[in-house]
Amino acid sequence: AANRPRVRLWDSRRERLVFSGPQQQASRLGNPLFNEVLVPMSRKDA
């Protein structure tokens, strides 16, 4: 799995992104091709 903070903001000078908040899982993988071929388009992100 890959997880990242839920909130992404530019700092006041717009020089860098600031990440905060609880971690949210952005992707996972077990068997090859599972999400790609077996999960319908409307539910892939979920």
ModelCIF file with pLDDT and N, C-alpha, C, O atoms, coordinates in Angstrom:
data_MODEL
#
_entry.id   MODEL 
#
_entity.id                         1 
_entity.type                       polymer 
_entity.pdbx_number_of_molecules   1 
#
_entity_poly.entity_id                      1 
_entity_poly.type                           'polypeptide(L)' 
_entity_poly.nstd_linkage                   no 
_entity_poly.nstd_monomer                   no 
_entity_poly.pdbx_seq_one_letter_code       AANRPRVRLWDSRRERLVFSGPQQQASRLGNPLFNEVLVPMSRKDA 
_entity_poly.pdbx_seq_one_letter_code_can   AANRPRVRLWDSRRERLVFSGPQQQASRLGNPLFNEVLVPMSRKDA 
_entity_poly.pdbx_strand_id                 A 
#
loop_
_entity_poly_seq.entity_id 
_entity_poly_seq.num 
_entity_poly_seq.mon_id 
_entity_poly_seq.hetero 
1 1  ALA n 
1 2  ALA n 
1 3  ASN n 
1 4  ARG n 
1 5  PRO n 
1 6  ARG n 
1 7  VAL n 
1 8  ARG n 
1 9  LEU n 
1 10 TRP n 
1 11 ASP n 
1 12 SER n 
1 13 ARG n 
1 14 ARG n 
1 15 GLU n 
1 16 ARG n 
1 17 LEU n 
1 18 VAL n 
1 19 PHE n 
1 20 SER n 
1 21 GLY n 
1 22 PRO n 
1 23 GLN n 
1 24 GLN n 
1 25 GLN n 
1 26 ALA n 
1 27 SER n 
1 28 ARG n 
1 29 LEU n 
1 30 GLY n 
1 31 ASN n 
1 32 PRO n 
1 33 LEU n 
1 34 PHE n 
1 35 ASN n 
1 36 GLU n 
1 37 VAL n 
1 38 LEU n 
1 39 VAL n 
1 40 PRO n 
1 41 MET n 
1 42 SER n 
1 43 ARG n 
1 44 LYS n 
1 45 ASP n 
1 46 ALA n 
#
_struct_asym.id          A 
_struct_asym.entity_id   1 
#
loop_
_ma_qa_metric.id 
_ma_qa_metric.mode 
_ma_qa_metric.name 
_ma_qa_metric.software_group_id 
_ma_qa_metric.type 
1 global pLDDT . pLDDT 
2 local  pLDDT . pLDDT 
#
_ma_qa_metric_global.metric_id      1 
_ma_qa_metric_global.metric_value   85.37 
_ma_qa_metric_global.model_id       1 
_ma_qa_metric_global.ordinal_id     1 
#
loop_
_ma_qa_metric_local.label_asym_id 
_ma_qa_metric_local.label_comp_id 
_ma_qa_metric_local.label_seq_id 
_ma_qa_metric_local.metric_id 
_ma_qa_metric_local.metric_value 
_ma_qa_metric_local.model_id 
_ma_qa_metric_local.ordinal_id 
A ALA 1  2 97.00 1 1  
A ALA 2  2 97.00 1 2  
A ASN 3  2 96.00 1 3  
A ARG 4  2 91.00 1 4  
A PRO 5  2 85.00 1 5  
A ARG 6  2 74.00 1 6  
A VAL 7  2 71.00 1 7  
A ARG 8  2 68.00 1 8  
A LEU 9  2 71.00 1 9  
A TRP 10 2 70.00 1 10 
A ASP 11 2 71.00 1 11 
A SER 12 2 67.00 1 12 
A ARG 13 2 70.00 1 13 
A ARG 14 2 65.00 1 14 
A GLU 15 2 68.00 1 15 
A ARG 16 2 69.00 1 16 
A LEU 17 2 69.00 1 17 
A VAL 18 2 74.00 1 18 
A PHE 19 2 72.00 1 19 
A SER 20 2 71.00 1 20 
A GLY 21 2 76.00 1 21 
A PRO 22 2 83.00 1 22 
A GLN 23 2 86.00 1 23 
A GLN 24 2 91.00 1 24 
A GLN 25 2 95.00 1 25 
A ALA 26 2 94.00 1 26 
A SER 27 2 95.00 1 27 
A ARG 28 2 96.00 1 28 
A LEU 29 2 96.00 1 29 
A GLY 30 2 97.00 1 30 
A ASN 31 2 96.00 1 31 
A PRO 32 2 94.00 1 32 
A LEU 33 2 91.00 1 33 
A PHE 34 2 93.00 1 34 
A ASN 35 2 93.00 1 35 
A GLU 36 2 91.00 1 36 
A VAL 37 2 92.00 1 37 
A LEU 38 2 94.00 1 38 
A VAL 39 2 95.00 1 39 
A PRO 40 2 94.00 1 40 
A MET 41 2 94.00 1 41 
A SER 42 2 95.00 1 42 
A ARG 43 2 96.00 1 43 
A LYS 44 2 95.00 1 44 
A ASP 45 2 94.00 1 45 
A ALA 46 2 95.00 1 46 
#
loop_
_atom_site.group_PDB 
_atom_site.id 
_atom_site.type_symbol 
_atom_site.label_atom_id 
_atom_site.label_alt_id 
_atom_site.label_comp_id 
_atom_site.label_asym_id 
_atom_site.label_entity_id 
_atom_site.label_seq_id 
_atom_site.pdbx_PDB_ins_code 
_atom_site.Cartn_x 
_atom_site.Cartn_y 
_atom_site.Cartn_z 
_atom_site.occupancy 
_atom_site.B_iso_or_equiv 
_atom_site.pdbx_formal_charge 
_atom_site.auth_seq_id 
_atom_site.auth_comp_id 
_atom_site.auth_asym_id 
_atom_site.auth_atom_id 
_atom_site.pdbx_PDB_model_num 
ATOM 1   N N  . ALA A 1 1  ? 0.846   -1.190  0.000   1.00 97.00 ? 1  ALA A N  1 
ATOM 2   C CA . ALA A 1 1  ? 0.000   0.000   0.000   1.00 97.00 ? 1  ALA A CA 1 
ATOM 3   C C  . ALA A 1 1  ? 0.878   1.235   0.000   1.00 97.00 ? 1  ALA A C  1 
ATOM 4   O O  . ALA A 1 1  ? 2.037   1.190   0.414   1.00 97.00 ? 1  ALA A O  1 
ATOM 5   N N  . ALA A 1 2  ? 0.318   2.334   -0.467  1.00 97.00 ? 2  ALA A N  1 
ATOM 6   C CA . ALA A 1 2  ? 0.955   3.644   -0.374  1.00 97.00 ? 2  ALA A CA 1 
ATOM 7   C C  . ALA A 1 2  ? -0.046  4.588   0.269   1.00 97.00 ? 2  ALA A C  1 
ATOM 8   O O  . ALA A 1 2  ? -1.215  4.626   -0.115  1.00 97.00 ? 2  ALA A O  1 
ATOM 9   N N  . ASN A 1 3  ? 0.419   5.345   1.242   1.00 96.00 ? 3  ASN A N  1 
ATOM 10  C CA . ASN A 1 3  ? -0.452  6.227   2.009   1.00 96.00 ? 3  ASN A CA 1 
ATOM 11  C C  . ASN A 1 3  ? 0.123   7.640   1.994   1.00 96.00 ? 3  ASN A C  1 
ATOM 12  O O  . ASN A 1 3  ? 1.340   7.825   1.994   1.00 96.00 ? 3  ASN A O  1 
ATOM 13  N N  . ARG A 1 4  ? -0.768  8.636   1.982   1.00 91.00 ? 4  ARG A N  1 
ATOM 14  C CA . ARG A 1 4  ? -0.309  10.012  2.038   1.00 91.00 ? 4  ARG A CA 1 
ATOM 15  C C  . ARG A 1 4  ? -1.267  10.849  2.880   1.00 91.00 ? 4  ARG A C  1 
ATOM 16  O O  . ARG A 1 4  ? -2.433  10.481  3.021   1.00 91.00 ? 4  ARG A O  1 
ATOM 17  N N  . PRO A 1 5  ? -0.799  11.981  3.449   1.00 85.00 ? 5  PRO A N  1 
ATOM 18  C CA . PRO A 1 5  ? -1.696  12.828  4.231   1.00 85.00 ? 5  PRO A CA 1 
ATOM 19  C C  . PRO A 1 5  ? -2.862  13.329  3.381   1.00 85.00 ? 5  PRO A C  1 
ATOM 20  O O  . PRO A 1 5  ? -2.724  13.540  2.176   1.00 85.00 ? 5  PRO A O  1 
ATOM 21  N N  . ARG A 1 6  ? -4.005  13.512  4.024   1.00 74.00 ? 6  ARG A N  1 
ATOM 22  C CA . ARG A 1 6  ? -5.211  13.892  3.298   1.00 74.00 ? 6  ARG A CA 1 
ATOM 23  C C  . ARG A 1 6  ? -5.194  15.330  2.791   1.00 74.00 ? 6  ARG A C  1 
ATOM 24  O O  . ARG A 1 6  ? -5.841  15.647  1.793   1.00 74.00 ? 6  ARG A O  1 
ATOM 25  N N  . VAL A 1 7  ? -4.445  16.208  3.486   1.00 71.00 ? 7  VAL A N  1 
ATOM 26  C CA . VAL A 1 7  ? -4.481  17.632  3.159   1.00 71.00 ? 7  VAL A CA 1 
ATOM 27  C C  . VAL A 1 7  ? -3.179  18.038  2.472   1.00 71.00 ? 7  VAL A C  1 
ATOM 28  O O  . VAL A 1 7  ? -2.089  17.711  2.943   1.00 71.00 ? 7  VAL A O  1 
ATOM 29  N N  . ARG A 1 8  ? -3.304  18.756  1.350   1.00 68.00 ? 8  ARG A N  1 
ATOM 30  C CA . ARG A 1 8  ? -2.139  19.253  0.623   1.00 68.00 ? 8  ARG A CA 1 
ATOM 31  C C  . ARG A 1 8  ? -2.360  20.739  0.338   1.00 68.00 ? 8  ARG A C  1 
ATOM 32  O O  . ARG A 1 8  ? -3.348  21.118  -0.291  1.00 68.00 ? 8  ARG A O  1 
ATOM 33  N N  . LEU A 1 9  ? -1.429  21.577  0.808   1.00 71.00 ? 9  LEU A N  1 
ATOM 34  C CA . LEU A 1 9  ? -1.571  23.028  0.687   1.00 71.00 ? 9  LEU A CA 1 
ATOM 35  C C  . LEU A 1 9  ? -0.244  23.645  0.258   1.00 71.00 ? 9  LEU A C  1 
ATOM 36  O O  . LEU A 1 9  ? 0.825   23.124  0.576   1.00 71.00 ? 9  LEU A O  1 
ATOM 37  N N  . TRP A 1 10 ? -0.323  24.766  -0.469  1.00 70.00 ? 10 TRP A N  1 
ATOM 38  C CA . TRP A 1 10 ? 0.870   25.564  -0.728  1.00 70.00 ? 10 TRP A CA 1 
ATOM 39  C C  . TRP A 1 10 ? 1.166   26.403  0.503   1.00 70.00 ? 10 TRP A C  1 
ATOM 40  O O  . TRP A 1 10 ? 0.248   26.849  1.191   1.00 70.00 ? 10 TRP A O  1 
ATOM 41  N N  . ASP A 1 11 ? 2.475   26.623  0.788   1.00 71.00 ? 11 ASP A N  1 
ATOM 42  C CA . ASP A 1 11 ? 2.811   27.531  1.876   1.00 71.00 ? 11 ASP A CA 1 
ATOM 43  C C  . ASP A 1 11 ? 2.519   28.967  1.442   1.00 71.00 ? 11 ASP A C  1 
ATOM 44  O O  . ASP A 1 11 ? 2.153   29.205  0.291   1.00 71.00 ? 11 ASP A O  1 
ATOM 45  N N  . SER A 1 12 ? 2.680   29.923  2.357   1.00 67.00 ? 12 SER A N  1 
ATOM 46  C CA . SER A 1 12 ? 2.263   31.299  2.097   1.00 67.00 ? 12 SER A CA 1 
ATOM 47  C C  . SER A 1 12 ? 3.022   31.930  0.943   1.00 67.00 ? 12 SER A C  1 
ATOM 48  O O  . SER A 1 12 ? 2.499   32.836  0.292   1.00 67.00 ? 12 SER A O  1 
ATOM 49  N N  . ARG A 1 13 ? 4.237   31.479  0.671   1.00 70.00 ? 13 ARG A N  1 
ATOM 50  C CA . ARG A 1 13 ? 5.024   32.029  -0.436  1.00 70.00 ? 13 ARG A CA 1 
ATOM 51  C C  . ARG A 1 13 ? 4.888   31.213  -1.722  1.00 70.00 ? 13 ARG A C  1 
ATOM 52  O O  . ARG A 1 13 ? 5.501   31.530  -2.741  1.00 70.00 ? 13 ARG A O  1 
ATOM 53  N N  . ARG A 1 14 ? 4.087   30.174  -1.656  1.00 65.00 ? 14 ARG A N  1 
ATOM 54  C CA . ARG A 1 14 ? 3.920   29.261  -2.794  1.00 65.00 ? 14 ARG A CA 1 
ATOM 55  C C  . ARG A 1 14 ? 5.266   28.699  -3.272  1.00 65.00 ? 14 ARG A C  1 
ATOM 56  O O  . ARG A 1 14 ? 5.498   28.527  -4.469  1.00 65.00 ? 14 ARG A O  1 
ATOM 57  N N  . GLU A 1 15 ? 6.129   28.424  -2.318  1.00 68.00 ? 15 GLU A N  1 
ATOM 58  C CA . GLU A 1 15 ? 7.429   27.858  -2.638  1.00 68.00 ? 15 GLU A CA 1 
ATOM 59  C C  . GLU A 1 15 ? 7.442   26.337  -2.507  1.00 68.00 ? 15 GLU A C  1 
ATOM 60  O O  . GLU A 1 15 ? 8.251   25.664  -3.145  1.00 68.00 ? 15 GLU A O  1 
ATOM 61  N N  . ARG A 1 16 ? 6.552   25.798  -1.687  1.00 69.00 ? 16 ARG A N  1 
ATOM 62  C CA . ARG A 1 16 ? 6.528   24.344  -1.519  1.00 69.00 ? 16 ARG A CA 1 
ATOM 63  C C  . ARG A 1 16 ? 5.153   23.916  -1.039  1.00 69.00 ? 16 ARG A C  1 
ATOM 64  O O  . ARG A 1 16 ? 4.384   24.701  -0.482  1.00 69.00 ? 16 ARG A O  1 
ATOM 65  N N  . LEU A 1 17 ? 4.875   22.650  -1.275  1.00 69.00 ? 17 LEU A N  1 
ATOM 66  C CA . LEU A 1 17 ? 3.631   22.067  -0.794  1.00 69.00 ? 17 LEU A CA 1 
ATOM 67  C C  . LEU A 1 17 ? 3.799   21.598  0.645   1.00 69.00 ? 17 LEU A C  1 
ATOM 68  O O  . LEU A 1 17 ? 4.847   21.078  1.026   1.00 69.00 ? 17 LEU A O  1 
ATOM 69  N N  . VAL A 1 18 ? 2.758   21.788  1.428   1.00 74.00 ? 18 VAL A N  1 
ATOM 70  C CA . VAL A 1 18 ? 2.753   21.341  2.812   1.00 74.00 ? 18 VAL A CA 1 
ATOM 71  C C  . VAL A 1 18 ? 1.675   20.274  2.966   1.00 74.00 ? 18 VAL A C  1 
ATOM 72  O O  . VAL A 1 18 ? 0.532   20.475  2.556   1.00 74.00 ? 18 VAL A O  1 
ATOM 73  N N  . PHE A 1 19 ? 2.042   19.143  3.557   1.00 72.00 ? 19 PHE A N  1 
ATOM 74  C CA . PHE A 1 19 ? 1.108   18.034  3.729   1.00 72.00 ? 19 PHE A CA 1 
ATOM 75  C C  . PHE A 1 19 ? 0.798   17.874  5.212   1.00 72.00 ? 19 PHE A C  1 
ATOM 76  O O  . PHE A 1 19 ? 1.688   17.963  6.058   1.00 72.00 ? 19 PHE A O  1 
ATOM 77  N N  . SER A 1 20 ? -0.461  17.639  5.513   1.00 71.00 ? 20 SER A N  1 
ATOM 78  C CA . SER A 1 20 ? -0.849  17.471  6.907   1.00 71.00 ? 20 SER A CA 1 
ATOM 79  C C  . SER A 1 20 ? -2.098  16.611  6.991   1.00 71.00 ? 20 SER A C  1 
ATOM 80  O O  . SER A 1 20 ? -2.685  16.239  5.975   1.00 71.00 ? 20 SER A O  1 
ATOM 81  N N  . GLY A 1 21 ? -2.490  16.305  8.216   1.00 76.00 ? 21 GLY A N  1 
ATOM 82  C CA . GLY A 1 21 ? -3.690  15.505  8.429   1.00 76.00 ? 21 GLY A CA 1 
ATOM 83  C C  . GLY A 1 21 ? -3.391  14.024  8.493   1.00 76.00 ? 21 GLY A C  1 
ATOM 84  O O  . GLY A 1 21 ? -2.251  13.611  8.281   1.00 76.00 ? 21 GLY A O  1 
ATOM 85  N N  . PRO A 1 22 ? -4.406  13.217  8.783   1.00 83.00 ? 22 PRO A N  1 
ATOM 86  C CA . PRO A 1 22 ? -4.230  11.763  8.891   1.00 83.00 ? 22 PRO A CA 1 
ATOM 87  C C  . PRO A 1 22 ? -3.884  11.140  7.548   1.00 83.00 ? 22 PRO A C  1 
ATOM 88  O O  . PRO A 1 22 ? -4.200  11.681  6.488   1.00 83.00 ? 22 PRO A O  1 
ATOM 89  N N  . GLN A 1 23 ? -3.229  9.993   7.620   1.00 86.00 ? 23 GLN A N  1 
ATOM 90  C CA . GLN A 1 23 ? -2.848  9.268   6.403   1.00 86.00 ? 23 GLN A CA 1 
ATOM 91  C C  . GLN A 1 23 ? -4.080  8.659   5.724   1.00 86.00 ? 23 GLN A C  1 
ATOM 92  O O  . GLN A 1 23 ? -4.985  8.147   6.384   1.00 86.00 ? 23 GLN A O  1 
ATOM 93  N N  . GLN A 1 24 ? -4.088  8.728   4.415   1.00 91.00 ? 24 GLN A N  1 
ATOM 94  C CA . GLN A 1 24 ? -5.132  8.104   3.599   1.00 91.00 ? 24 GLN A CA 1 
ATOM 95  C C  . GLN A 1 24 ? -4.465  7.157   2.619   1.00 91.00 ? 24 GLN A C  1 
ATOM 96  O O  . GLN A 1 24 ? -3.520  7.541   1.930   1.00 91.00 ? 24 GLN A O  1 
ATOM 97  N N  . GLN A 1 25 ? -4.944  5.928   2.550   1.00 95.00 ? 25 GLN A N  1 
ATOM 98  C CA . GLN A 1 25 ? -4.395  4.965   1.603   1.00 95.00 ? 25 GLN A CA 1 
ATOM 99  C C  . GLN A 1 25 ? -4.750  5.389   0.183   1.00 95.00 ? 25 GLN A C  1 
ATOM 100 O O  . GLN A 1 25 ? -5.920  5.578   -0.148  1.00 95.00 ? 25 GLN A O  1 
ATOM 101 N N  . ALA A 1 26 ? -3.714  5.535   -0.656  1.00 94.00 ? 26 ALA A N  1 
ATOM 102 C CA . ALA A 1 26 ? -3.918  5.987   -2.032  1.00 94.00 ? 26 ALA A CA 1 
ATOM 103 C C  . ALA A 1 26 ? -3.921  4.835   -3.029  1.00 94.00 ? 26 ALA A C  1 
ATOM 104 O O  . ALA A 1 26 ? -4.527  4.942   -4.094  1.00 94.00 ? 26 ALA A O  1 
ATOM 105 N N  . SER A 1 27 ? -3.250  3.738   -2.695  1.00 95.00 ? 27 SER A N  1 
ATOM 106 C CA . SER A 1 27 ? -3.245  2.582   -3.586  1.00 95.00 ? 27 SER A CA 1 
ATOM 107 C C  . SER A 1 27 ? -2.900  1.342   -2.789  1.00 95.00 ? 27 SER A C  1 
ATOM 108 O O  . SER A 1 27 ? -2.335  1.427   -1.699  1.00 95.00 ? 27 SER A O  1 
ATOM 109 N N  . ARG A 1 28 ? -3.242  0.193   -3.339  1.00 96.00 ? 28 ARG A N  1 
ATOM 110 C CA . ARG A 1 28 ? -2.829  -1.093  -2.762  1.00 96.00 ? 28 ARG A CA 1 
ATOM 111 C C  . ARG A 1 28 ? -2.710  -2.104  -3.881  1.00 96.00 ? 28 ARG A C  1 
ATOM 112 O O  . ARG A 1 28 ? -3.184  -1.878  -4.994  1.00 96.00 ? 28 ARG A O  1 
ATOM 113 N N  . LEU A 1 29 ? -2.072  -3.222  -3.573  1.00 96.00 ? 29 LEU A N  1 
ATOM 114 C CA . LEU A 1 29 ? -1.860  -4.242  -4.608  1.00 96.00 ? 29 LEU A CA 1 
ATOM 115 C C  . LEU A 1 29 ? -1.592  -5.587  -3.962  1.00 96.00 ? 29 LEU A C  1 
ATOM 116 O O  . LEU A 1 29 ? -0.750  -5.708  -3.072  1.00 96.00 ? 29 LEU A O  1 
ATOM 117 N N  . GLY A 1 30 ? -2.313  -6.595  -4.420  1.00 97.00 ? 30 GLY A N  1 
ATOM 118 C CA . GLY A 1 30 ? -2.071  -7.970  -4.020  1.00 97.00 ? 30 GLY A CA 1 
ATOM 119 C C  . GLY A 1 30 ? -1.771  -8.787  -5.262  1.00 97.00 ? 30 GLY A C  1 
ATOM 120 O O  . GLY A 1 30 ? -0.628  -8.843  -5.716  1.00 97.00 ? 30 GLY A O  1 
ATOM 121 N N  . ASN A 1 31 ? -2.809  -9.428  -5.816  1.00 96.00 ? 31 ASN A N  1 
ATOM 122 C CA . ASN A 1 31 ? -2.635  -10.185 -7.055  1.00 96.00 ? 31 ASN A CA 1 
ATOM 123 C C  . ASN A 1 31 ? -2.479  -9.249  -8.249  1.00 96.00 ? 31 ASN A C  1 
ATOM 124 O O  . ASN A 1 31 ? -3.107  -8.192  -8.290  1.00 96.00 ? 31 ASN A O  1 
ATOM 125 N N  . PRO A 1 32 ? -1.652  -9.623  -9.218  1.00 94.00 ? 32 PRO A N  1 
ATOM 126 C CA . PRO A 1 32 ? -1.517  -8.794  -10.410 1.00 94.00 ? 32 PRO A CA 1 
ATOM 127 C C  . PRO A 1 32 ? -2.835  -8.707  -11.169 1.00 94.00 ? 32 PRO A C  1 
ATOM 128 O O  . PRO A 1 32 ? -3.575  -9.686  -11.271 1.00 94.00 ? 32 PRO A O  1 
ATOM 129 N N  . LEU A 1 33 ? -3.113  -7.526  -11.696 1.00 91.00 ? 33 LEU A N  1 
ATOM 130 C CA . LEU A 1 33 ? -4.245  -7.258  -12.589 1.00 91.00 ? 33 LEU A CA 1 
ATOM 131 C C  . LEU A 1 33 ? -5.601  -7.209  -11.893 1.00 91.00 ? 33 LEU A C  1 
ATOM 132 O O  . LEU A 1 33 ? -6.621  -7.043  -12.562 1.00 91.00 ? 33 LEU A O  1 
ATOM 133 N N  . PHE A 1 34 ? -5.639  -7.348  -10.571 1.00 93.00 ? 34 PHE A N  1 
ATOM 134 C CA . PHE A 1 34 ? -6.939  -7.440  -9.905  1.00 93.00 ? 34 PHE A CA 1 
ATOM 135 C C  . PHE A 1 34 ? -7.755  -6.166  -10.099 1.00 93.00 ? 34 PHE A C  1 
ATOM 136 O O  . PHE A 1 34 ? -8.845  -6.214  -10.669 1.00 93.00 ? 34 PHE A O  1 
ATOM 137 N N  . ASN A 1 35 ? -7.246  -5.036  -9.635  1.00 93.00 ? 35 ASN A N  1 
ATOM 138 C CA . ASN A 1 35 ? -7.996  -3.787  -9.774  1.00 93.00 ? 35 ASN A CA 1 
ATOM 139 C C  . ASN A 1 35 ? -8.121  -3.385  -11.236 1.00 93.00 ? 35 ASN A C  1 
ATOM 140 O O  . ASN A 1 35 ? -9.143  -2.847  -11.661 1.00 93.00 ? 35 ASN A O  1 
ATOM 141 N N  . GLU A 1 36 ? -7.076  -3.651  -11.990 1.00 91.00 ? 36 GLU A N  1 
ATOM 142 C CA . GLU A 1 36 ? -7.050  -3.204  -13.376 1.00 91.00 ? 36 GLU A CA 1 
ATOM 143 C C  . GLU A 1 36 ? -8.117  -3.869  -14.239 1.00 91.00 ? 36 GLU A C  1 
ATOM 144 O O  . GLU A 1 36 ? -8.745  -3.214  -15.071 1.00 91.00 ? 36 GLU A O  1 
ATOM 145 N N  . VAL A 1 37 ? -8.320  -5.167  -14.042 1.00 92.00 ? 37 VAL A N  1 
ATOM 146 C CA . VAL A 1 37 ? -9.172  -5.940  -14.960 1.00 92.00 ? 37 VAL A CA 1 
ATOM 147 C C  . VAL A 1 37 ? -10.492 -6.365  -14.334 1.00 92.00 ? 37 VAL A C  1 
ATOM 148 O O  . VAL A 1 37 ? -11.476 -6.545  -15.052 1.00 92.00 ? 37 VAL A O  1 
ATOM 149 N N  . LEU A 1 38 ? -10.540 -6.531  -13.012 1.00 94.00 ? 38 LEU A N  1 
ATOM 150 C CA . LEU A 1 38 ? -11.724 -7.125  -12.390 1.00 94.00 ? 38 LEU A CA 1 
ATOM 151 C C  . LEU A 1 38 ? -12.619 -6.132  -11.666 1.00 94.00 ? 38 LEU A C  1 
ATOM 152 O O  . LEU A 1 38 ? -13.784 -6.437  -11.411 1.00 94.00 ? 38 LEU A O  1 
ATOM 153 N N  . VAL A 1 39 ? -12.112 -4.960  -11.330 1.00 95.00 ? 39 VAL A N  1 
ATOM 154 C CA . VAL A 1 39 ? -12.905 -3.959  -10.623 1.00 95.00 ? 39 VAL A CA 1 
ATOM 155 C C  . VAL A 1 39 ? -13.431 -2.937  -11.634 1.00 95.00 ? 39 VAL A C  1 
ATOM 156 O O  . VAL A 1 39 ? -12.652 -2.405  -12.424 1.00 95.00 ? 39 VAL A O  1 
ATOM 157 N N  . PRO A 1 40 ? -14.739 -2.652  -11.623 1.00 94.00 ? 40 PRO A N  1 
ATOM 158 C CA . PRO A 1 40 ? -15.290 -1.719  -12.612 1.00 94.00 ? 40 PRO A CA 1 
ATOM 159 C C  . PRO A 1 40 ? -14.745 -0.304  -12.424 1.00 94.00 ? 40 PRO A C  1 
ATOM 160 O O  . PRO A 1 40 ? -14.361 0.081   -11.320 1.00 94.00 ? 40 PRO A O  1 
ATOM 161 N N  . MET A 1 41 ? -14.716 0.463   -13.514 1.00 94.00 ? 41 MET A N  1 
ATOM 162 C CA . MET A 1 41 ? -14.126 1.797   -13.526 1.00 94.00 ? 41 MET A CA 1 
ATOM 163 C C  . MET A 1 41 ? -14.657 2.686   -12.402 1.00 94.00 ? 41 MET A C  1 
ATOM 164 O O  . MET A 1 41 ? -13.892 3.422   -11.779 1.00 94.00 ? 41 MET A O  1 
ATOM 165 N N  . SER A 1 42 ? -15.941 2.621   -12.144 1.00 95.00 ? 42 SER A N  1 
ATOM 166 C CA . SER A 1 42 ? -16.556 3.509   -11.161 1.00 95.00 ? 42 SER A CA 1 
ATOM 167 C C  . SER A 1 42 ? -16.135 3.206   -9.726  1.00 95.00 ? 42 SER A C  1 
ATOM 168 O O  . SER A 1 42 ? -16.377 4.015   -8.830  1.00 95.00 ? 42 SER A O  1 
ATOM 169 N N  . ARG A 1 43 ? -15.500 2.038   -9.494  1.00 96.00 ? 43 ARG A N  1 
ATOM 170 C CA . ARG A 1 43 ? -15.158 1.637   -8.129  1.00 96.00 ? 43 ARG A CA 1 
ATOM 171 C C  . ARG A 1 43 ? -13.660 1.460   -7.910  1.00 96.00 ? 43 ARG A C  1 
ATOM 172 O O  . ARG A 1 43 ? -13.242 1.072   -6.819  1.00 96.00 ? 43 ARG A O  1 
ATOM 173 N N  . LYS A 1 44 ? -12.851 1.734   -8.918  1.00 95.00 ? 44 LYS A N  1 
ATOM 174 C CA . LYS A 1 44 ? -11.413 1.511   -8.803  1.00 95.00 ? 44 LYS A CA 1 
ATOM 175 C C  . LYS A 1 44 ? -10.762 2.353   -7.703  1.00 95.00 ? 44 LYS A C  1 
ATOM 176 O O  . LYS A 1 44 ? -9.938  1.851   -6.939  1.00 95.00 ? 44 LYS A O  1 
ATOM 177 N N  . ASP A 1 45 ? -11.134 3.629   -7.626  1.00 94.00 ? 45 ASP A N  1 
ATOM 178 C CA . ASP A 1 45 ? -10.531 4.485   -6.604  1.00 94.00 ? 45 ASP A CA 1 
ATOM 179 C C  . ASP A 1 45 ? -10.965 4.060   -5.208  1.00 94.00 ? 45 ASP A C  1 
ATOM 180 O O  . ASP A 1 45 ? -10.163 4.094   -4.274  1.00 94.00 ? 45 ASP A O  1 
ATOM 181 N N  . ALA A 1 46 ? -12.226 3.660   -5.054  1.00 95.00 ? 46 ALA A N  1 
ATOM 182 C CA . ALA A 1 46 ? -12.707 3.195   -3.756  1.00 95.00 ? 46 ALA A CA 1 
ATOM 183 C C  . ALA A 1 46 ? -11.981 1.916   -3.353  1.00 95.00 ? 46 ALA A C  1 
ATOM 184 O O  . ALA A 1 46 ? -12.247 1.365   -2.285  1.00 95.00 ? 46 ALA A O  1 
#
